[in-house]
Amino acid sequence: MSTIPTAIASIDEYPSVDWYWLVVEETLTEVFGRRDCDENLYQLKDEIAAINGIEQLLFFHAEPLDTASRICGEAVTDEIVHHYLQVKAQLQTVSLQQS
């Protein structure tokens, strides 16, 4: 049985596209330890920016962890999910402090 907590995001959790991509970038570097995926990240950002609004909305319903996993080709494990949730919480805390 998996110990992965339910972490499905609502669209309201990511109030801006910039915030979503920040979480993806931090997940790539801090959770997956990948600093070699910038080209894949920028290519995906361009692809998403070019599609219509409904398809964009559907894309942004994906958890940033899933998007980062897809970008770098790494599998998501229980350990990865737990680390991701810590990084995401830290980002949210910093964001609230800056508001």
N, C-alpha and C. Protein backbone atom coordinates (compact mmCIF):
# COMPACT_ATOMS: atom_id res chain seq x y z
N MET A 1 0.84 -1.18 0.00
CA MET A 1 0.00 0.00 0.00
C MET A 1 0.88 1.24 0.00
N SER A 2 0.53 2.18 -0.82
CA SER A 2 1.31 3.40 -0.95
C SER A 2 1.06 4.33 0.23
N THR A 3 2.11 5.04 0.61
CA THR A 3 1.98 6.02 1.67
C THR A 3 1.93 7.43 1.11
N ILE A 4 1.76 7.56 -0.20
CA ILE A 4 1.71 8.87 -0.83
C ILE A 4 0.45 9.60 -0.39
N PRO A 5 0.60 10.79 0.20
CA PRO A 5 -0.58 11.55 0.60
C PRO A 5 -1.29 12.12 -0.63
N THR A 6 -2.55 12.37 -0.49
CA THR A 6 -3.29 12.98 -1.58
C THR A 6 -2.81 14.42 -1.72
N ALA A 7 -2.34 14.77 -2.91
CA ALA A 7 -1.78 16.10 -3.12
C ALA A 7 -2.25 16.68 -4.44
N ILE A 8 -3.48 16.40 -4.80
CA ILE A 8 -4.00 16.91 -6.06
C ILE A 8 -4.34 18.38 -5.88
N ALA A 9 -3.81 19.18 -6.77
CA ALA A 9 -4.00 20.62 -6.67
C ALA A 9 -5.31 21.06 -7.30
N SER A 10 -5.91 22.05 -6.72
CA SER A 10 -7.01 22.71 -7.38
C SER A 10 -6.41 23.87 -8.16
N ILE A 11 -7.11 24.37 -9.14
CA ILE A 11 -6.59 25.48 -9.94
C ILE A 11 -6.34 26.69 -9.06
N ASP A 12 -7.09 26.85 -7.98
CA ASP A 12 -6.92 27.99 -7.09
C ASP A 12 -5.61 27.94 -6.31
N GLU A 13 -5.01 26.75 -6.23
CA GLU A 13 -3.77 26.61 -5.47
C GLU A 13 -2.62 27.33 -6.19
N TYR A 14 -2.74 27.50 -7.48
CA TYR A 14 -1.69 28.15 -8.28
C TYR A 14 -2.30 29.38 -8.93
N PRO A 15 -2.35 30.50 -8.21
CA PRO A 15 -3.06 31.67 -8.69
C PRO A 15 -2.42 32.32 -9.92
N SER A 16 -1.22 31.94 -10.24
CA SER A 16 -0.61 32.51 -11.43
C SER A 16 0.22 31.46 -12.14
N VAL A 17 0.35 31.66 -13.41
CA VAL A 17 1.18 30.77 -14.22
C VAL A 17 2.62 30.83 -13.74
N ASP A 18 3.08 32.02 -13.41
CA ASP A 18 4.45 32.16 -12.92
C ASP A 18 4.68 31.33 -11.67
N TRP A 19 3.73 31.31 -10.75
CA TRP A 19 3.86 30.53 -9.52
C TRP A 19 3.97 29.04 -9.85
N TYR A 20 3.11 28.57 -10.77
CA TYR A 20 3.12 27.16 -11.17
C TYR A 20 4.51 26.77 -11.68
N TRP A 21 5.04 27.59 -12.60
CA TRP A 21 6.35 27.27 -13.19
C TRP A 21 7.47 27.37 -12.15
N LEU A 22 7.35 28.28 -11.19
CA LEU A 22 8.33 28.36 -10.10
C LEU A 22 8.36 27.05 -9.32
N VAL A 23 7.18 26.51 -9.01
CA VAL A 23 7.11 25.25 -8.28
C VAL A 23 7.72 24.12 -9.12
N VAL A 24 7.45 24.12 -10.42
CA VAL A 24 8.04 23.11 -11.31
C VAL A 24 9.56 23.22 -11.29
N GLU A 25 10.08 24.44 -11.45
CA GLU A 25 11.54 24.64 -11.47
C GLU A 25 12.18 24.20 -10.16
N GLU A 26 11.59 24.59 -9.05
CA GLU A 26 12.14 24.20 -7.75
C GLU A 26 12.07 22.68 -7.55
N THR A 27 11.03 22.08 -8.06
CA THR A 27 10.89 20.62 -7.97
C THR A 27 11.99 19.94 -8.78
N LEU A 28 12.27 20.46 -9.96
CA LEU A 28 13.34 19.88 -10.78
C LEU A 28 14.68 19.94 -10.05
N THR A 29 15.00 21.10 -9.48
CA THR A 29 16.32 21.27 -8.87
C THR A 29 16.41 20.71 -7.46
N GLU A 30 15.40 20.98 -6.64
CA GLU A 30 15.48 20.60 -5.23
C GLU A 30 15.01 19.17 -4.95
N VAL A 31 14.03 18.70 -5.67
CA VAL A 31 13.47 17.37 -5.40
C VAL A 31 14.17 16.31 -6.25
N PHE A 32 14.26 16.57 -7.55
CA PHE A 32 14.89 15.60 -8.44
C PHE A 32 16.40 15.81 -8.57
N GLY A 33 16.90 16.95 -8.09
CA GLY A 33 18.33 17.22 -8.17
C GLY A 33 18.81 17.39 -9.60
N ARG A 34 17.93 17.85 -10.47
CA ARG A 34 18.26 17.99 -11.89
C ARG A 34 18.41 19.46 -12.24
N ARG A 35 19.57 19.80 -12.71
CA ARG A 35 19.83 21.15 -13.17
C ARG A 35 20.11 21.16 -14.68
N ASP A 36 19.85 20.02 -15.30
CA ASP A 36 20.16 19.86 -16.71
C ASP A 36 18.91 19.82 -17.59
N CYS A 37 17.78 20.25 -17.06
CA CYS A 37 16.51 20.13 -17.79
C CYS A 37 15.95 21.46 -18.27
N ASP A 38 16.76 22.51 -18.21
CA ASP A 38 16.26 23.83 -18.59
C ASP A 38 15.70 23.87 -20.01
N GLU A 39 16.38 23.25 -20.94
CA GLU A 39 15.91 23.27 -22.33
C GLU A 39 14.54 22.61 -22.45
N ASN A 40 14.36 21.46 -21.79
CA ASN A 40 13.07 20.78 -21.81
C ASN A 40 11.98 21.63 -21.15
N LEU A 41 12.34 22.29 -20.06
CA LEU A 41 11.40 23.15 -19.35
C LEU A 41 10.95 24.31 -20.24
N TYR A 42 11.90 25.00 -20.85
CA TYR A 42 11.57 26.14 -21.70
C TYR A 42 10.75 25.71 -22.91
N GLN A 43 11.06 24.55 -23.46
CA GLN A 43 10.30 24.05 -24.60
C GLN A 43 8.85 23.77 -24.20
N LEU A 44 8.64 23.15 -23.04
CA LEU A 44 7.29 22.87 -22.58
C LEU A 44 6.54 24.16 -22.29
N LYS A 45 7.21 25.13 -21.67
CA LYS A 45 6.57 26.42 -21.39
C LYS A 45 6.08 27.06 -22.69
N ASP A 46 6.91 27.02 -23.71
CA ASP A 46 6.52 27.59 -25.00
C ASP A 46 5.35 26.84 -25.61
N GLU A 47 5.37 25.52 -25.52
CA GLU A 47 4.27 24.70 -26.06
C GLU A 47 2.96 25.03 -25.35
N ILE A 48 3.00 25.15 -24.06
CA ILE A 48 1.78 25.42 -23.29
C ILE A 48 1.28 26.83 -23.57
N ALA A 49 2.18 27.78 -23.70
CA ALA A 49 1.78 29.16 -24.00
C ALA A 49 1.10 29.26 -25.36
N ALA A 50 1.40 28.34 -26.27
CA ALA A 50 0.88 28.40 -27.63
C ALA A 50 -0.47 27.71 -27.79
N ILE A 51 -0.94 26.96 -26.79
CA ILE A 51 -2.21 26.26 -26.95
C ILE A 51 -3.37 27.11 -26.45
N ASN A 52 -4.60 26.71 -26.82
CA ASN A 52 -5.76 27.52 -26.45
C ASN A 52 -6.03 27.47 -24.95
N GLY A 53 -6.85 28.39 -24.49
CA GLY A 53 -7.11 28.57 -23.06
C GLY A 53 -7.64 27.35 -22.35
N ILE A 54 -8.56 26.61 -22.98
CA ILE A 54 -9.14 25.42 -22.34
C ILE A 54 -8.06 24.37 -22.13
N GLU A 55 -7.24 24.14 -23.15
CA GLU A 55 -6.16 23.15 -23.01
C GLU A 55 -5.14 23.60 -21.99
N GLN A 56 -4.86 24.91 -21.93
CA GLN A 56 -3.96 25.42 -20.90
C GLN A 56 -4.52 25.17 -19.52
N LEU A 57 -5.81 25.44 -19.35
CA LEU A 57 -6.45 25.22 -18.06
C LEU A 57 -6.33 23.76 -17.63
N LEU A 58 -6.56 22.87 -18.57
CA LEU A 58 -6.41 21.44 -18.27
C LEU A 58 -4.98 21.10 -17.89
N PHE A 59 -4.01 21.67 -18.61
CA PHE A 59 -2.60 21.41 -18.29
C PHE A 59 -2.29 21.85 -16.86
N PHE A 60 -2.74 23.04 -16.48
CA PHE A 60 -2.39 23.58 -15.17
C PHE A 60 -3.14 22.91 -14.02
N HIS A 61 -4.00 21.95 -14.33
CA HIS A 61 -4.60 21.12 -13.29
C HIS A 61 -3.64 20.02 -12.84
N ALA A 62 -2.62 19.77 -13.62
CA ALA A 62 -1.62 18.77 -13.23
C ALA A 62 -0.80 19.31 -12.06
N GLU A 63 -0.46 18.43 -11.16
CA GLU A 63 0.41 18.81 -10.05
C GLU A 63 1.79 19.15 -10.61
N PRO A 64 2.43 20.22 -10.14
CA PRO A 64 3.77 20.55 -10.62
C PRO A 64 4.77 19.40 -10.51
N LEU A 65 4.59 18.54 -9.52
CA LEU A 65 5.44 17.37 -9.39
C LEU A 65 5.34 16.49 -10.63
N ASP A 66 4.13 16.29 -11.11
CA ASP A 66 3.93 15.47 -12.30
C ASP A 66 4.58 16.11 -13.53
N THR A 67 4.44 17.41 -13.63
CA THR A 67 5.04 18.12 -14.75
C THR A 67 6.56 18.02 -14.70
N ALA A 68 7.14 18.22 -13.53
CA ALA A 68 8.60 18.12 -13.37
C ALA A 68 9.08 16.71 -13.69
N SER A 69 8.34 15.71 -13.23
CA SER A 69 8.69 14.32 -13.51
C SER A 69 8.71 14.06 -15.01
N ARG A 70 7.72 14.57 -15.70
CA ARG A 70 7.65 14.41 -17.15
C ARG A 70 8.82 15.11 -17.85
N ILE A 71 9.16 16.30 -17.38
CA ILE A 71 10.25 17.06 -18.00
C ILE A 71 11.58 16.34 -17.88
N CYS A 72 11.87 15.79 -16.70
CA CYS A 72 13.18 15.18 -16.49
C CYS A 72 13.19 13.66 -16.68
N GLY A 73 12.03 13.07 -16.87
CA GLY A 73 11.97 11.63 -17.11
C GLY A 73 12.26 10.79 -15.89
N GLU A 74 12.04 11.34 -14.71
CA GLU A 74 12.29 10.62 -13.46
C GLU A 74 10.97 10.08 -12.90
N ALA A 75 11.03 8.92 -12.28
CA ALA A 75 9.85 8.32 -11.66
C ALA A 75 9.54 9.01 -10.34
N VAL A 76 8.28 9.02 -9.99
CA VAL A 76 7.83 9.58 -8.71
C VAL A 76 7.70 8.44 -7.71
N THR A 77 8.39 8.57 -6.60
CA THR A 77 8.33 7.57 -5.52
C THR A 77 7.73 8.23 -4.28
N ASP A 78 7.44 7.43 -3.28
CA ASP A 78 6.94 7.98 -2.02
C ASP A 78 7.90 9.02 -1.46
N GLU A 79 9.18 8.70 -1.48
CA GLU A 79 10.20 9.61 -0.96
C GLU A 79 10.20 10.94 -1.73
N ILE A 80 10.07 10.86 -3.04
CA ILE A 80 10.03 12.06 -3.88
C ILE A 80 8.81 12.91 -3.51
N VAL A 81 7.66 12.26 -3.34
CA VAL A 81 6.44 13.00 -3.00
C VAL A 81 6.60 13.72 -1.66
N HIS A 82 7.15 13.05 -0.68
CA HIS A 82 7.33 13.68 0.63
C HIS A 82 8.29 14.86 0.55
N HIS A 83 9.37 14.72 -0.19
CA HIS A 83 10.31 15.82 -0.36
C HIS A 83 9.64 16.98 -1.11
N TYR A 84 8.89 16.65 -2.15
CA TYR A 84 8.16 17.66 -2.92
C TYR A 84 7.21 18.46 -2.03
N LEU A 85 6.45 17.78 -1.20
CA LEU A 85 5.50 18.48 -0.34
C LEU A 85 6.21 19.42 0.62
N GLN A 86 7.40 19.04 1.08
CA GLN A 86 8.18 19.92 1.95
C GLN A 86 8.66 21.16 1.18
N VAL A 87 9.17 20.95 -0.03
CA VAL A 87 9.65 22.07 -0.85
C VAL A 87 8.50 23.00 -1.20
N LYS A 88 7.37 22.43 -1.58
CA LYS A 88 6.20 23.25 -1.94
C LYS A 88 5.71 24.06 -0.74
N ALA A 89 5.67 23.46 0.43
CA ALA A 89 5.25 24.17 1.64
C ALA A 89 6.21 25.31 1.96
N GLN A 90 7.49 25.05 1.79
CA GLN A 90 8.49 26.10 2.03
C GLN A 90 8.30 27.25 1.05
N LEU A 91 8.06 26.96 -0.21
CA LEU A 91 7.81 28.01 -1.20
C LEU A 91 6.57 28.82 -0.85
N GLN A 92 5.54 28.15 -0.38
CA GLN A 92 4.31 28.85 -0.01
C GLN A 92 4.56 29.75 1.19
N THR A 93 5.34 29.28 2.14
CA THR A 93 5.67 30.09 3.32
C THR A 93 6.46 31.33 2.93
N VAL A 94 7.45 31.16 2.09
CA VAL A 94 8.27 32.30 1.63
C VAL A 94 7.39 33.28 0.85
N SER A 95 6.52 32.77 0.02
CA SER A 95 5.64 33.61 -0.77
C SER A 95 4.72 34.42 0.12
N LEU A 96 4.18 33.81 1.15
CA LEU A 96 3.29 34.52 2.07
C LEU A 96 4.05 35.60 2.85
N GLN A 97 5.29 35.32 3.22
CA GLN A 97 6.10 36.28 3.94
C GLN A 97 6.43 37.49 3.08
N GLN A 98 6.54 37.27 1.77
CA GLN A 98 6.89 38.36 0.85
C GLN A 98 5.66 39.19 0.47
N SER A 99 4.47 38.65 0.73
CA SER A 99 3.23 39.36 0.36
C SER A 99 2.95 40.52 1.28
